[in-house]
Amino acid sequence: MDHSAHHTDTTHHHAPEHGGGHAAHQGATWGTAAKATLHCLVGCAIGEILGMVIGTALLWGNVPTMALAISLAFLFGYSFTLFAVRRAGLDLKSAIKVALAADTVSIAVMELVDNLIIALTPGAMDAHLTDGLFWSALLGGFAVAFVITTPVNKWMIGRGKGHAVVHAYH
């Protein structure tokens, strides 16, 4: 029996640059965290803008409009992940669990920061969709939310939570 052939085979499997499945849980890179946050941001932004547009078009007040915007932000945020893991072959029930585990904290932090900034920006709550103030407060809120949410996602991914759950299916 030739043991040298077996020995050379195993040395190639331990190369650290090949980032295997378990290596990803050791610590998340800022790039991974930023990508997960951007993914979340897109879903949140679509939902929130849609909610603002619908609420404004229906002449709703600030509270019901914000409630709709936040609800749609969660819905779109979850649906992006849901679509990705369903496409990876997960059944609907498991996919919903993964989306809830991956996105809840990320979306909640994103929405909290964004809506706080909109609420604290003088005149932003009463600005119309045609006003620059409305869009600058919304986009500025998302920019700050991105900066705050990225380290949260990095911390969660590093502990095998949040978007780390989704990466197991890619």
N, C-alpha and C. Protein backbone atom coordinates (compact mmCIF):
# COMPACT_ATOMS: atom_id res chain seq x y z
N MET A 1 0.83 -1.19 0.00
CA MET A 1 0.00 0.00 0.00
C MET A 1 0.87 1.25 0.00
N ASP A 2 0.58 2.18 -0.89
CA ASP A 2 1.37 3.40 -0.98
C ASP A 2 0.71 4.52 -0.17
N HIS A 3 1.31 4.88 0.96
CA HIS A 3 0.75 5.92 1.83
C HIS A 3 1.06 7.33 1.36
N SER A 4 2.06 7.50 0.52
CA SER A 4 2.45 8.84 0.08
C SER A 4 1.38 9.47 -0.82
N ALA A 5 0.71 8.67 -1.64
CA ALA A 5 -0.33 9.21 -2.52
C ALA A 5 -1.51 9.74 -1.68
N HIS A 6 -1.84 8.98 -0.65
CA HIS A 6 -2.94 9.40 0.23
C HIS A 6 -2.57 10.68 0.97
N HIS A 7 -1.31 10.79 1.37
CA HIS A 7 -0.85 11.95 2.13
C HIS A 7 -0.90 13.23 1.28
N THR A 8 -0.49 13.18 0.03
CA THR A 8 -0.50 14.38 -0.81
C THR A 8 -1.92 14.84 -1.11
N ASP A 9 -2.86 13.92 -1.21
CA ASP A 9 -4.25 14.29 -1.44
C ASP A 9 -4.81 15.15 -0.32
N THR A 10 -4.53 14.78 0.94
CA THR A 10 -5.13 15.49 2.07
C THR A 10 -4.55 16.88 2.27
N THR A 11 -3.32 17.11 1.86
CA THR A 11 -2.72 18.43 2.08
C THR A 11 -3.43 19.52 1.29
N HIS A 12 -4.00 19.18 0.17
CA HIS A 12 -4.69 20.18 -0.65
C HIS A 12 -6.03 20.60 -0.06
N HIS A 13 -6.62 19.78 0.76
CA HIS A 13 -7.95 20.09 1.30
C HIS A 13 -7.90 21.05 2.49
N HIS A 14 -6.72 21.33 2.99
CA HIS A 14 -6.62 22.19 4.17
C HIS A 14 -6.21 23.62 3.83
N ALA A 15 -6.18 23.97 2.57
CA ALA A 15 -5.76 25.32 2.17
C ALA A 15 -6.76 26.35 2.70
N PRO A 16 -6.29 27.32 3.50
CA PRO A 16 -7.18 28.30 4.12
C PRO A 16 -7.85 29.24 3.13
N GLU A 17 -7.26 29.45 1.96
CA GLU A 17 -7.84 30.40 1.01
C GLU A 17 -9.10 29.86 0.32
N HIS A 18 -9.46 28.61 0.56
CA HIS A 18 -10.63 28.03 -0.09
C HIS A 18 -11.91 28.24 0.68
N GLY A 19 -11.95 29.08 1.70
CA GLY A 19 -13.15 29.42 2.48
C GLY A 19 -14.27 28.40 2.43
N GLY A 20 -14.13 27.28 3.09
CA GLY A 20 -15.16 26.25 3.10
C GLY A 20 -16.39 26.68 3.88
N GLY A 21 -17.38 25.84 3.95
CA GLY A 21 -18.65 26.15 4.62
C GLY A 21 -18.47 26.59 6.06
N HIS A 22 -17.61 25.92 6.82
CA HIS A 22 -17.46 26.26 8.25
C HIS A 22 -16.57 27.47 8.46
N ALA A 23 -15.67 27.74 7.53
CA ALA A 23 -14.77 28.88 7.66
C ALA A 23 -15.55 30.19 7.66
N ALA A 24 -16.66 30.22 6.95
CA ALA A 24 -17.47 31.44 6.86
C ALA A 24 -18.02 31.84 8.22
N HIS A 25 -18.22 30.87 9.11
CA HIS A 25 -18.78 31.17 10.43
C HIS A 25 -17.73 31.65 11.43
N GLN A 26 -16.44 31.52 11.08
CA GLN A 26 -15.37 31.95 11.98
C GLN A 26 -15.43 33.45 12.20
N GLY A 27 -15.74 34.21 11.18
CA GLY A 27 -15.81 35.66 11.26
C GLY A 27 -16.22 36.19 9.91
N ALA A 28 -17.13 37.12 9.90
CA ALA A 28 -17.61 37.65 8.64
C ALA A 28 -16.71 38.79 8.18
N THR A 29 -16.54 38.89 6.87
CA THR A 29 -15.78 40.02 6.34
C THR A 29 -16.73 41.23 6.24
N TRP A 30 -16.14 42.41 6.17
CA TRP A 30 -16.96 43.62 6.01
C TRP A 30 -17.68 43.58 4.66
N GLY A 31 -17.04 42.96 3.65
CA GLY A 31 -17.66 42.84 2.34
C GLY A 31 -18.93 42.00 2.38
N THR A 32 -18.86 40.88 3.09
CA THR A 32 -20.03 40.00 3.24
C THR A 32 -21.14 40.73 3.98
N ALA A 33 -20.77 41.43 5.04
CA ALA A 33 -21.76 42.17 5.85
C ALA A 33 -22.39 43.29 5.03
N ALA A 34 -21.56 44.00 4.26
CA ALA A 34 -22.07 45.10 3.44
C ALA A 34 -23.01 44.58 2.36
N LYS A 35 -22.66 43.43 1.77
CA LYS A 35 -23.50 42.82 0.73
C LYS A 35 -24.85 42.40 1.31
N ALA A 36 -24.83 41.79 2.50
CA ALA A 36 -26.07 41.38 3.17
C ALA A 36 -26.92 42.60 3.51
N THR A 37 -26.27 43.67 3.96
CA THR A 37 -26.98 44.89 4.33
C THR A 37 -27.56 45.56 3.11
N LEU A 38 -26.81 45.57 2.01
CA LEU A 38 -27.29 46.17 0.76
C LEU A 38 -28.51 45.40 0.24
N HIS A 39 -28.46 44.09 0.33
CA HIS A 39 -29.55 43.20 -0.05
C HIS A 39 -30.81 43.58 0.73
N CYS A 40 -30.64 43.76 2.03
CA CYS A 40 -31.72 44.15 2.93
C CYS A 40 -32.22 45.55 2.60
N LEU A 41 -31.28 46.46 2.33
CA LEU A 41 -31.61 47.85 2.03
C LEU A 41 -32.50 47.97 0.79
N VAL A 42 -32.18 47.18 -0.24
CA VAL A 42 -32.96 47.23 -1.48
C VAL A 42 -34.42 46.83 -1.22
N GLY A 43 -34.60 45.71 -0.50
CA GLY A 43 -35.95 45.27 -0.17
C GLY A 43 -36.69 46.29 0.67
N CYS A 44 -35.99 46.83 1.69
CA CYS A 44 -36.60 47.85 2.57
C CYS A 44 -36.98 49.10 1.78
N ALA A 45 -36.08 49.55 0.92
CA ALA A 45 -36.31 50.77 0.15
C ALA A 45 -37.51 50.62 -0.79
N ILE A 46 -37.58 49.48 -1.49
CA ILE A 46 -38.70 49.24 -2.40
C ILE A 46 -40.01 49.28 -1.61
N GLY A 47 -40.07 48.54 -0.52
CA GLY A 47 -41.28 48.47 0.30
C GLY A 47 -41.65 49.81 0.90
N GLU A 48 -40.65 50.50 1.44
CA GLU A 48 -40.93 51.77 2.10
C GLU A 48 -41.39 52.84 1.11
N ILE A 49 -40.72 52.94 -0.02
CA ILE A 49 -41.12 53.93 -1.03
C ILE A 49 -42.50 53.62 -1.55
N LEU A 50 -42.76 52.34 -1.82
CA LEU A 50 -44.09 51.93 -2.28
C LEU A 50 -45.16 52.30 -1.26
N GLY A 51 -44.88 52.04 0.02
CA GLY A 51 -45.82 52.40 1.09
C GLY A 51 -46.09 53.89 1.16
N MET A 52 -45.01 54.68 1.02
CA MET A 52 -45.15 56.15 1.04
C MET A 52 -45.99 56.63 -0.14
N VAL A 53 -45.71 56.06 -1.32
CA VAL A 53 -46.45 56.44 -2.53
C VAL A 53 -47.93 56.10 -2.39
N ILE A 54 -48.23 54.87 -1.94
CA ILE A 54 -49.62 54.43 -1.78
C ILE A 54 -50.34 55.29 -0.73
N GLY A 55 -49.70 55.45 0.44
CA GLY A 55 -50.29 56.24 1.52
C GLY A 55 -50.55 57.67 1.11
N THR A 56 -49.60 58.26 0.40
CA THR A 56 -49.75 59.65 -0.06
C THR A 56 -50.83 59.75 -1.12
N ALA A 57 -50.85 58.80 -2.05
CA ALA A 57 -51.86 58.80 -3.12
C ALA A 57 -53.27 58.66 -2.57
N LEU A 58 -53.40 57.89 -1.47
CA LEU A 58 -54.72 57.69 -0.86
C LEU A 58 -55.05 58.78 0.18
N LEU A 59 -54.15 59.77 0.28
CA LEU A 59 -54.32 60.90 1.21
C LEU A 59 -54.42 60.44 2.67
N TRP A 60 -53.68 59.40 3.00
CA TRP A 60 -53.64 58.92 4.38
C TRP A 60 -52.78 59.87 5.22
N GLY A 61 -52.95 59.81 6.52
CA GLY A 61 -52.13 60.59 7.43
C GLY A 61 -50.75 59.95 7.58
N ASN A 62 -49.88 60.60 8.38
CA ASN A 62 -48.51 60.11 8.58
C ASN A 62 -48.45 58.73 9.21
N VAL A 63 -49.24 58.49 10.25
CA VAL A 63 -49.16 57.23 10.98
C VAL A 63 -49.55 56.02 10.12
N PRO A 64 -50.73 56.04 9.48
CA PRO A 64 -51.05 54.87 8.63
C PRO A 64 -50.10 54.72 7.43
N THR A 65 -49.62 55.84 6.89
CA THR A 65 -48.67 55.77 5.77
C THR A 65 -47.37 55.12 6.21
N MET A 66 -46.86 55.53 7.38
CA MET A 66 -45.62 54.95 7.91
C MET A 66 -45.82 53.47 8.23
N ALA A 67 -46.96 53.13 8.81
CA ALA A 67 -47.25 51.73 9.14
C ALA A 67 -47.25 50.87 7.88
N LEU A 68 -47.86 51.38 6.82
CA LEU A 68 -47.89 50.65 5.55
C LEU A 68 -46.47 50.53 4.98
N ALA A 69 -45.73 51.65 5.02
CA ALA A 69 -44.36 51.66 4.48
C ALA A 69 -43.47 50.65 5.21
N ILE A 70 -43.56 50.63 6.54
CA ILE A 70 -42.74 49.71 7.34
C ILE A 70 -43.16 48.26 7.08
N SER A 71 -44.46 48.01 7.01
CA SER A 71 -44.97 46.65 6.72
C SER A 71 -44.46 46.16 5.37
N LEU A 72 -44.54 47.03 4.36
CA LEU A 72 -44.07 46.64 3.03
C LEU A 72 -42.56 46.50 2.99
N ALA A 73 -41.84 47.27 3.79
CA ALA A 73 -40.38 47.14 3.86
C ALA A 73 -40.02 45.74 4.37
N PHE A 74 -40.71 45.29 5.43
CA PHE A 74 -40.47 43.94 5.94
C PHE A 74 -40.86 42.90 4.89
N LEU A 75 -42.00 43.08 4.26
CA LEU A 75 -42.48 42.13 3.26
C LEU A 75 -41.48 41.98 2.11
N PHE A 76 -41.02 43.11 1.56
CA PHE A 76 -40.07 43.05 0.44
C PHE A 76 -38.70 42.57 0.91
N GLY A 77 -38.29 42.98 2.10
CA GLY A 77 -37.01 42.52 2.65
C GLY A 77 -36.99 41.00 2.78
N TYR A 78 -38.06 40.45 3.35
CA TYR A 78 -38.16 38.99 3.50
C TYR A 78 -38.28 38.30 2.15
N SER A 79 -39.05 38.89 1.23
CA SER A 79 -39.32 38.21 -0.04
C SER A 79 -38.05 38.03 -0.88
N PHE A 80 -37.09 38.97 -0.77
CA PHE A 80 -35.83 38.82 -1.51
C PHE A 80 -35.11 37.56 -1.05
N THR A 81 -35.02 37.36 0.25
CA THR A 81 -34.36 36.17 0.81
C THR A 81 -35.16 34.92 0.50
N LEU A 82 -36.46 35.02 0.66
CA LEU A 82 -37.37 33.90 0.40
C LEU A 82 -37.18 33.39 -1.03
N PHE A 83 -37.15 34.31 -1.97
CA PHE A 83 -36.96 33.96 -3.38
C PHE A 83 -35.62 33.24 -3.59
N ALA A 84 -34.57 33.77 -2.97
CA ALA A 84 -33.22 33.20 -3.14
C ALA A 84 -33.14 31.77 -2.59
N VAL A 85 -33.67 31.54 -1.39
CA VAL A 85 -33.56 30.20 -0.80
C VAL A 85 -34.55 29.21 -1.42
N ARG A 86 -35.67 29.71 -1.92
CA ARG A 86 -36.60 28.83 -2.64
C ARG A 86 -35.94 28.37 -3.93
N ARG A 87 -35.25 29.28 -4.61
CA ARG A 87 -34.55 28.96 -5.85
C ARG A 87 -33.44 27.95 -5.59
N ALA A 88 -32.88 27.99 -4.37
CA ALA A 88 -31.82 27.04 -3.98
C ALA A 88 -32.41 25.66 -3.64
N GLY A 89 -33.75 25.53 -3.66
CA GLY A 89 -34.38 24.23 -3.50
C GLY A 89 -35.05 23.98 -2.16
N LEU A 90 -35.15 24.99 -1.32
CA LEU A 90 -35.78 24.82 0.00
C LEU A 90 -37.31 24.84 -0.13
N ASP A 91 -37.98 24.03 0.68
CA ASP A 91 -39.44 24.06 0.66
C ASP A 91 -39.92 25.36 1.31
N LEU A 92 -41.18 25.74 1.06
CA LEU A 92 -41.71 27.03 1.49
C LEU A 92 -41.62 27.24 3.01
N LYS A 93 -42.01 26.23 3.78
CA LYS A 93 -41.99 26.37 5.24
C LYS A 93 -40.57 26.63 5.76
N SER A 94 -39.60 25.86 5.26
CA SER A 94 -38.19 26.05 5.66
C SER A 94 -37.67 27.39 5.17
N ALA A 95 -38.06 27.77 3.95
CA ALA A 95 -37.61 29.04 3.36
C ALA A 95 -38.11 30.22 4.20
N ILE A 96 -39.34 30.15 4.68
CA ILE A 96 -39.89 31.22 5.52
C ILE A 96 -39.10 31.32 6.82
N LYS A 97 -38.78 30.17 7.42
CA LYS A 97 -37.98 30.16 8.66
C LYS A 97 -36.61 30.79 8.43
N VAL A 98 -35.98 30.47 7.31
CA VAL A 98 -34.66 31.02 6.99
C VAL A 98 -34.76 32.54 6.79
N ALA A 99 -35.78 32.97 6.05
CA ALA A 99 -35.95 34.41 5.80
C ALA A 99 -36.19 35.17 7.10
N LEU A 100 -37.01 34.62 7.98
CA LEU A 100 -37.27 35.27 9.27
C LEU A 100 -35.99 35.34 10.10
N ALA A 101 -35.23 34.24 10.12
CA ALA A 101 -33.98 34.19 10.88
C ALA A 101 -32.93 35.14 10.30
N ALA A 102 -32.88 35.22 8.99
CA ALA A 102 -31.86 36.02 8.32
C ALA A 102 -32.12 37.51 8.38
N ASP A 103 -33.37 37.91 8.24
CA ASP A 103 -33.66 39.31 7.97
C ASP A 103 -34.30 40.12 9.09
N THR A 104 -34.90 39.48 10.08
CA THR A 104 -35.67 40.22 11.07
C THR A 104 -34.87 41.33 11.75
N VAL A 105 -33.72 41.01 12.30
CA VAL A 105 -32.93 42.01 13.02
C VAL A 105 -32.43 43.08 12.04
N SER A 106 -31.94 42.65 10.90
CA SER A 106 -31.41 43.57 9.89
C SER A 106 -32.48 44.58 9.44
N ILE A 107 -33.66 44.09 9.09
CA ILE A 107 -34.74 44.97 8.63
C ILE A 107 -35.21 45.87 9.78
N ALA A 108 -35.33 45.32 10.98
CA ALA A 108 -35.79 46.11 12.12
C ALA A 108 -34.85 47.27 12.41
N VAL A 109 -33.54 47.01 12.41
CA VAL A 109 -32.55 48.07 12.66
C VAL A 109 -32.63 49.11 11.53
N MET A 110 -32.67 48.61 10.30
CA MET A 110 -32.74 49.49 9.13
C MET A 110 -33.96 50.41 9.20
N GLU A 111 -35.12 49.85 9.48
CA GLU A 111 -36.36 50.62 9.54
C GLU A 111 -36.38 51.59 10.71
N LEU A 112 -35.89 51.15 11.85
CA LEU A 112 -35.85 52.00 13.04
C LEU A 112 -35.01 53.25 12.78
N VAL A 113 -33.80 53.04 12.26
CA VAL A 113 -32.89 54.16 12.00
C VAL A 113 -33.46 55.07 10.92
N ASP A 114 -33.90 54.49 9.81
CA ASP A 114 -34.42 55.27 8.69
C ASP A 114 -35.62 56.12 9.11
N ASN A 115 -36.57 55.50 9.78
CA ASN A 115 -37.78 56.22 10.16
C ASN A 115 -37.53 57.25 11.26
N LEU A 116 -36.56 56.98 12.13
CA LEU A 116 -36.18 57.94 13.15
C LEU A 116 -35.61 59.20 12.50
N ILE A 117 -34.77 59.00 11.49
CA ILE A 117 -34.18 60.14 10.78
C ILE A 117 -35.25 60.94 10.05
N ILE A 118 -36.17 60.25 9.40
CA ILE A 118 -37.28 60.95 8.71
C ILE A 118 -38.10 61.74 9.73
N ALA A 119 -38.41 61.10 10.87
CA ALA A 119 -39.22 61.75 11.90
C ALA A 119 -38.51 62.97 12.50
N LEU A 120 -37.17 62.88 12.62
CA LEU A 120 -36.41 63.97 13.24
C LEU A 120 -36.00 65.07 12.25
N THR A 121 -36.18 64.82 10.95
CA THR A 121 -35.85 65.84 9.95
C THR A 121 -37.03 66.81 9.87
N PRO A 122 -36.78 68.08 10.24
CA PRO A 122 -37.89 69.06 10.25
C PRO A 122 -38.59 69.16 8.89
N GLY A 123 -39.90 68.96 8.90
CA GLY A 123 -40.72 69.08 7.70
C GLY A 123 -40.80 67.84 6.83
N ALA A 124 -39.94 66.83 7.09
CA ALA A 124 -39.90 65.64 6.22
C ALA A 124 -41.20 64.85 6.26
N MET A 125 -41.82 64.77 7.43
CA MET A 125 -43.07 63.99 7.56
C MET A 125 -44.21 64.63 6.77
N ASP A 126 -44.15 65.93 6.59
CA ASP A 126 -45.22 66.63 5.87
C ASP A 126 -44.87 66.93 4.42
N ALA A 127 -43.66 66.55 4.02
CA ALA A 127 -43.23 66.80 2.63
C ALA A 127 -43.97 65.85 1.69
N HIS A 128 -44.17 66.32 0.48
CA HIS A 128 -44.85 65.51 -0.53
C HIS A 128 -43.83 64.75 -1.37
N LEU A 129 -44.32 63.78 -2.14
CA LEU A 129 -43.44 62.96 -2.98
C LEU A 129 -42.68 63.79 -4.00
N THR A 130 -43.21 64.98 -4.32
CA THR A 130 -42.57 65.84 -5.30
C THR A 130 -41.52 66.75 -4.66
N ASP A 131 -41.44 66.76 -3.33
CA ASP A 131 -40.48 67.61 -2.62
C ASP A 131 -39.12 66.94 -2.49
N GLY A 132 -38.08 67.71 -2.72
CA GLY A 132 -36.71 67.21 -2.55
C GLY A 132 -36.44 66.80 -1.11
N LEU A 133 -37.08 67.51 -0.15
CA LEU A 133 -36.88 67.21 1.27
C LEU A 133 -37.33 65.79 1.61
N PHE A 134 -38.44 65.36 1.03
CA PHE A 134 -38.95 64.00 1.25
C PHE A 134 -37.89 62.98 0.85
N TRP A 135 -37.36 63.13 -0.37
CA TRP A 135 -36.40 62.16 -0.90
C TRP A 135 -35.05 62.25 -0.21
N SER A 136 -34.61 63.47 0.13
CA SER A 136 -33.31 63.59 0.79
C SER A 136 -33.37 63.00 2.20
N ALA A 137 -34.50 63.20 2.91
CA ALA A 137 -34.64 62.61 4.25
C ALA A 137 -34.70 61.08 4.15
N LEU A 138 -35.44 60.57 3.18
CA LEU A 138 -35.59 59.12 2.99
C LEU A 138 -34.25 58.48 2.62
N LEU A 139 -33.58 59.05 1.62
CA LEU A 139 -32.30 58.48 1.17
C LEU A 139 -31.20 58.69 2.20
N GLY A 140 -31.21 59.84 2.85
CA GLY A 140 -30.24 60.10 3.92
C GLY A 140 -30.44 59.12 5.06
N GLY A 141 -31.71 58.85 5.37
CA GLY A 141 -32.05 57.88 6.42
C GLY A 141 -31.55 56.50 6.07
N PHE A 142 -31.72 56.11 4.81
CA PHE A 142 -31.23 54.80 4.38
C PHE A 142 -29.70 54.74 4.41
N ALA A 143 -29.04 55.84 4.05
CA ALA A 143 -27.57 55.87 4.07
C ALA A 143 -27.06 55.67 5.50
N VAL A 144 -27.64 56.38 6.45
CA VAL A 144 -27.23 56.23 7.85
C VAL A 144 -27.59 54.83 8.36
N ALA A 145 -28.78 54.34 7.99
CA ALA A 145 -29.21 53.00 8.39
C ALA A 145 -28.25 51.94 7.86
N PHE A 146 -27.75 52.12 6.64
CA PHE A 146 -26.79 51.18 6.05
C PHE A 146 -25.51 51.14 6.89
N VAL A 147 -25.02 52.32 7.28
CA VAL A 147 -23.79 52.42 8.07
C VAL A 147 -23.96 51.77 9.45
N ILE A 148 -25.14 51.92 10.04
CA ILE A 148 -25.41 51.34 11.36
C ILE A 148 -25.71 49.84 11.29
N THR A 149 -26.42 49.43 10.25
CA THR A 149 -26.85 48.03 10.13
C THR A 149 -25.71 47.11 9.69
N THR A 150 -24.74 47.60 8.91
CA THR A 150 -23.64 46.76 8.43
C THR A 150 -22.86 46.10 9.57
N PRO A 151 -22.43 46.86 10.62
CA PRO A 151 -21.73 46.19 11.72
C PRO A 151 -22.62 45.19 12.48
N VAL A 152 -23.92 45.48 12.55
CA VAL A 152 -24.86 44.54 13.19
C VAL A 152 -24.87 43.23 12.41
N ASN A 153 -24.98 43.33 11.08
CA ASN A 153 -24.97 42.13 10.23
C ASN A 153 -23.64 41.40 10.32
N LYS A 154 -22.52 42.16 10.37
CA LYS A 154 -21.20 41.53 10.47
C LYS A 154 -21.11 40.72 11.77
N TRP A 155 -21.57 41.30 12.86
CA TRP A 155 -21.55 40.63 14.16
C TRP A 155 -22.41 39.36 14.12
N MET A 156 -23.62 39.46 13.54
CA MET A 156 -24.53 38.31 13.47
C MET A 156 -23.99 37.19 12.57
N ILE A 157 -23.48 37.58 11.39
CA ILE A 157 -22.93 36.57 10.46
C ILE A 157 -21.74 35.87 11.11
N GLY A 158 -20.92 36.62 11.83
CA GLY A 158 -19.76 36.06 12.52
C GLY A 158 -20.14 35.03 13.57
N ARG A 159 -21.36 35.08 14.05
CA ARG A 159 -21.86 34.12 15.03
C ARG A 159 -22.78 33.07 14.41
N GLY A 160 -22.79 33.02 13.06
CA GLY A 160 -23.60 32.01 12.36
C GLY A 160 -25.08 32.34 12.35
N LYS A 161 -25.42 33.60 12.63
CA LYS A 161 -26.83 34.01 12.63
C LYS A 161 -27.08 34.98 11.47
N GLY A 162 -28.31 35.45 11.38
CA GLY A 162 -28.65 36.42 10.34
C GLY A 162 -28.42 35.86 8.96
N HIS A 163 -27.71 36.63 8.13
CA HIS A 163 -27.51 36.22 6.74
C HIS A 163 -26.59 35.02 6.58
N ALA A 164 -25.88 34.63 7.66
CA ALA A 164 -25.06 33.41 7.60
C ALA A 164 -25.96 32.21 7.32
N VAL A 165 -27.20 32.27 7.81
CA VAL A 165 -28.18 31.19 7.61
C VAL A 165 -28.48 31.04 6.11
N VAL A 166 -28.55 32.18 5.40
CA VAL A 166 -28.85 32.16 3.97
C VAL A 166 -27.68 31.63 3.17
N HIS A 167 -26.45 32.01 3.58
CA HIS A 167 -25.26 31.62 2.82
C HIS A 167 -25.05 30.11 2.78
N ALA A 168 -25.66 29.39 3.72
CA ALA A 168 -25.58 27.93 3.70
C ALA A 168 -26.30 27.36 2.48
N TYR A 169 -27.19 28.14 1.87
CA TYR A 169 -27.98 27.64 0.74
C TYR A 169 -27.51 28.16 -0.61
N HIS A 170 -26.43 28.95 -0.62
CA HIS A 170 -25.94 29.48 -1.90
C HIS A 170 -24.95 28.54 -2.54
